[in-house]
Each structure stands twice: as structure tokens, then as C-alpha cells.
Amino acid sequence: MRIKLVMTAVAACMALAGCATPYQEPGFTGGVTARKEADGTWLILAAGNANTTVEATSDYTFVKAAETVKSQGFTCFDIVGQYAAMEDVSMGSQYGTMDFKKPDARLRIRIREDLKTCDDKVNADAIIARLSAKVRNPKSYLRKD
């Protein structure tokens, strides 16, 4: 019975591992979220599983930033800080340690309440038009390694 349970768990993990993290709220395989900080900036965080690309998590942060800006009734924002890279992860269990890489992206923005027009790189409408369909199609981000 115990062997069957372990094999089922391994099979489920392998099935989940074969898919990249989609654009979604945070969950078991990752996701993207936005939160307002005390200093008035917004911090957007995206994490993916080992099959997700850095490009995907970076795009997730920009789409979430744009959606956040629009939800606050504005169009423009400033980028205060940005980071996206593959992170080394080590996961240990009673069966040993597994080392792998997974993408992590962070974007800190400040909403520009004083601007009605801005460059497309920080224009919520332009970002949504450019990236929204792409982030919702997992095949847009195929790993090359």
C-alpha cells in the first residue's frame, strides 16, 4: 500500500513538472501577485516552476503591473526596480536532495497619477495590448535548454 501511495505521488509530481507555470494567481506551481507597499510603490512578484522561462515570469510581472495600474484608474507608471533570473533551488526530502533552477521575477512600480500619456514601456494599455495574449498562451515560452 505504501509503495502504491509513493508511486502515485511521484507520478503526480512528474506530471506537474512537465508543464510551465501559466499566468495565474500564486499556487503550487508558482504564479504572479501584486501588493501595495507602505512607501506607495507596488511590488509585483512572479515565480515559476523549472519549466517556466525567465522571459515568461518577467512578462507576467509587466502584465500584472499594467492590470494593477488600470485597476487603480491610471495608465502610466515608473519602474522603480526590476529583477528577473533563474534561481538555484535545492529541495530535500527523506529520499535525497534534488537541485534545479526556477525563474523568479520582481518588479517595483510607482503609479504616475499626474500623467495621461507615457512611453509604451510604462503604459498599461500598451503593455496589455502587447503581452496579454502572449502570457495566456503557454506555448509562447518554450524553453530552449
Protein backbone atom coordinates (compact mmCIF):
# COMPACT_ATOMS: atom_id res chain seq x y z
CA MET A 1 0.00 0.00 0.00
CA ARG A 2 2.79 2.44 0.93
CA ILE A 3 4.62 1.76 -2.35
CA LYS A 4 1.44 2.49 -4.31
CA LEU A 5 0.99 5.80 -2.46
CA VAL A 6 4.62 6.80 -3.10
CA MET A 7 4.36 5.88 -6.79
CA THR A 8 1.16 7.91 -7.13
CA ALA A 9 2.84 10.92 -5.54
CA VAL A 10 5.88 10.58 -7.82
CA ALA A 11 3.63 10.29 -10.89
CA ALA A 12 1.69 13.40 -9.87
CA CYS A 13 4.91 15.36 -9.36
CA MET A 14 6.24 14.28 -12.73
CA ALA A 15 3.01 15.29 -14.44
CA LEU A 16 3.10 18.72 -12.83
CA ALA A 17 6.77 19.18 -13.61
CA GLY A 18 6.17 18.74 -17.33
CA CYS A 19 4.19 21.97 -17.63
CA ALA A 20 5.35 25.55 -17.34
CA THR A 21 3.65 27.79 -14.81
CA PRO A 22 0.77 29.67 -16.50
CA TYR A 23 -0.18 33.29 -15.84
CA GLN A 24 -2.19 32.78 -12.66
CA GLU A 25 -2.57 33.77 -9.04
CA PRO A 26 0.11 32.13 -6.85
CA GLY A 27 -0.33 28.40 -6.41
CA PHE A 28 1.60 25.16 -6.10
CA THR A 29 3.49 25.66 -9.38
CA GLY A 30 4.02 29.41 -8.98
CA GLY A 31 2.16 32.48 -10.19
CA VAL A 32 2.12 36.25 -10.00
CA THR A 33 0.86 38.70 -7.40
CA ALA A 34 0.88 42.43 -6.68
CA ARG A 35 0.85 44.17 -3.33
CA LYS A 36 0.95 47.82 -2.30
CA GLU A 37 3.92 48.73 -0.13
CA ALA A 38 3.99 51.28 2.72
CA ASP A 39 6.03 53.71 0.60
CA GLY A 40 3.27 53.88 -2.03
CA THR A 41 5.01 51.65 -4.56
CA TRP A 42 3.62 48.36 -5.82
CA LEU A 43 5.67 45.17 -5.67
CA ILE A 44 4.85 42.59 -8.31
CA LEU A 45 6.28 39.10 -7.74
CA ALA A 46 6.29 36.19 -10.17
CA ALA A 47 7.64 32.69 -9.67
CA GLY A 48 7.58 29.73 -11.98
CA ASN A 49 8.48 26.09 -11.89
CA ALA A 50 11.56 24.58 -13.53
CA ASN A 51 9.81 24.50 -16.93
CA THR A 52 8.98 28.21 -16.95
CA THR A 53 11.30 30.69 -18.66
CA VAL A 54 12.71 33.88 -17.18
CA GLU A 55 11.10 35.75 -20.08
CA ALA A 56 7.69 34.39 -19.06
CA THR A 57 7.99 35.43 -15.40
CA SER A 58 9.28 38.86 -16.44
CA ASP A 59 6.33 39.31 -18.82
CA TYR A 60 3.97 38.13 -16.06
CA THR A 61 5.21 40.95 -13.80
CA PHE A 62 4.64 43.57 -16.51
CA VAL A 63 1.12 42.37 -17.30
CA LYS A 64 0.25 42.24 -13.58
CA ALA A 65 1.71 45.75 -13.15
CA ALA A 66 -0.39 47.02 -16.05
CA GLU A 67 -3.54 45.36 -14.69
CA THR A 68 -2.80 46.84 -11.26
CA VAL A 69 -2.30 50.35 -12.66
CA LYS A 70 -5.56 50.10 -14.64
CA SER A 71 -7.44 48.79 -11.59
CA GLN A 72 -6.37 51.93 -9.74
CA GLY A 73 -7.78 54.10 -12.56
CA PHE A 74 -4.48 55.17 -14.15
CA THR A 75 -2.40 54.44 -17.25
CA CYS A 76 1.23 55.33 -16.56
CA PHE A 77 3.83 54.14 -14.07
CA ASP A 78 7.53 54.40 -13.30
CA ILE A 79 9.77 51.38 -12.87
CA VAL A 80 11.49 51.73 -9.50
CA GLY A 81 13.28 48.36 -9.60
CA GLN A 82 13.34 45.24 -11.72
CA TYR A 83 14.88 41.76 -11.41
CA ALA A 84 14.45 38.51 -13.31
CA ALA A 85 16.74 35.46 -13.24
CA MET A 86 16.93 31.72 -12.80
CA GLU A 87 17.35 30.84 -9.14
CA ASP A 88 19.14 27.76 -7.85
CA VAL A 89 16.80 25.69 -5.70
CA SER A 90 17.60 22.66 -3.59
CA MET A 91 14.74 20.52 -2.31
CA GLY A 92 15.49 17.90 0.28
CA SER A 93 13.42 15.01 1.47
CA GLN A 94 13.94 11.68 3.20
CA TYR A 95 14.76 10.25 -0.24
CA GLY A 96 17.59 12.68 -1.01
CA THR A 97 18.14 16.13 -2.44
CA MET A 98 17.05 17.44 -5.82
CA ASP A 99 18.75 20.53 -7.28
CA PHE A 100 17.11 22.53 -10.05
CA LYS A 101 16.63 26.06 -11.35
CA LYS A 102 13.41 28.02 -11.43
CA PRO A 103 12.64 31.56 -12.57
CA ASP A 104 11.96 34.43 -10.23
CA ALA A 105 10.94 37.95 -11.25
CA ARG A 106 10.25 41.10 -9.28
CA LEU A 107 9.06 44.48 -10.47
CA ARG A 108 8.57 47.53 -8.25
CA ILE A 109 6.50 50.34 -9.76
CA ARG A 110 5.13 53.73 -8.77
CA ILE A 111 1.81 54.72 -10.37
CA ARG A 112 2.01 58.11 -12.11
CA GLU A 113 -1.25 59.80 -11.23
CA ASP A 114 -0.07 63.02 -12.92
CA LEU A 115 0.46 61.58 -16.42
CA LYS A 116 -2.14 60.71 -19.06
CA THR A 117 0.36 59.73 -21.76
CA CYS A 118 3.70 57.94 -21.47
CA ASP A 119 6.17 55.72 -23.29
CA ASP A 120 4.79 52.30 -24.31
CA LYS A 121 7.24 50.57 -21.93
CA VAL A 122 5.38 52.06 -18.94
CA ASN A 123 1.92 52.49 -20.47
CA ALA A 124 -0.55 49.98 -19.02
CA ASP A 125 -2.76 49.93 -22.12
CA ALA A 126 0.21 49.32 -24.44
CA ILE A 127 1.61 46.55 -22.20
CA ILE A 128 -1.74 44.78 -22.01
CA ALA A 129 -2.15 45.04 -25.81
CA ARG A 130 1.38 43.75 -26.41
CA LEU A 131 1.66 40.96 -23.81
CA SER A 132 -1.76 39.88 -22.55
CA ALA A 133 -2.42 37.24 -25.21
CA LYS A 134 1.18 36.02 -25.07
CA VAL A 135 1.21 35.38 -21.31
CA ARG A 136 -2.02 33.42 -21.55
CA ASN A 137 -0.55 31.03 -24.14
CA PRO A 138 1.97 28.66 -22.51
CA LYS A 139 3.40 27.69 -25.90
CA SER A 140 4.67 31.28 -26.30
CA TYR A 141 7.50 30.49 -23.89
CA LEU A 142 9.20 27.28 -24.91
CA ARG A 143 12.42 26.50 -23.04
CA LYS A 144 15.44 26.28 -25.29
CA ASP A 145 17.76 24.41 -22.91
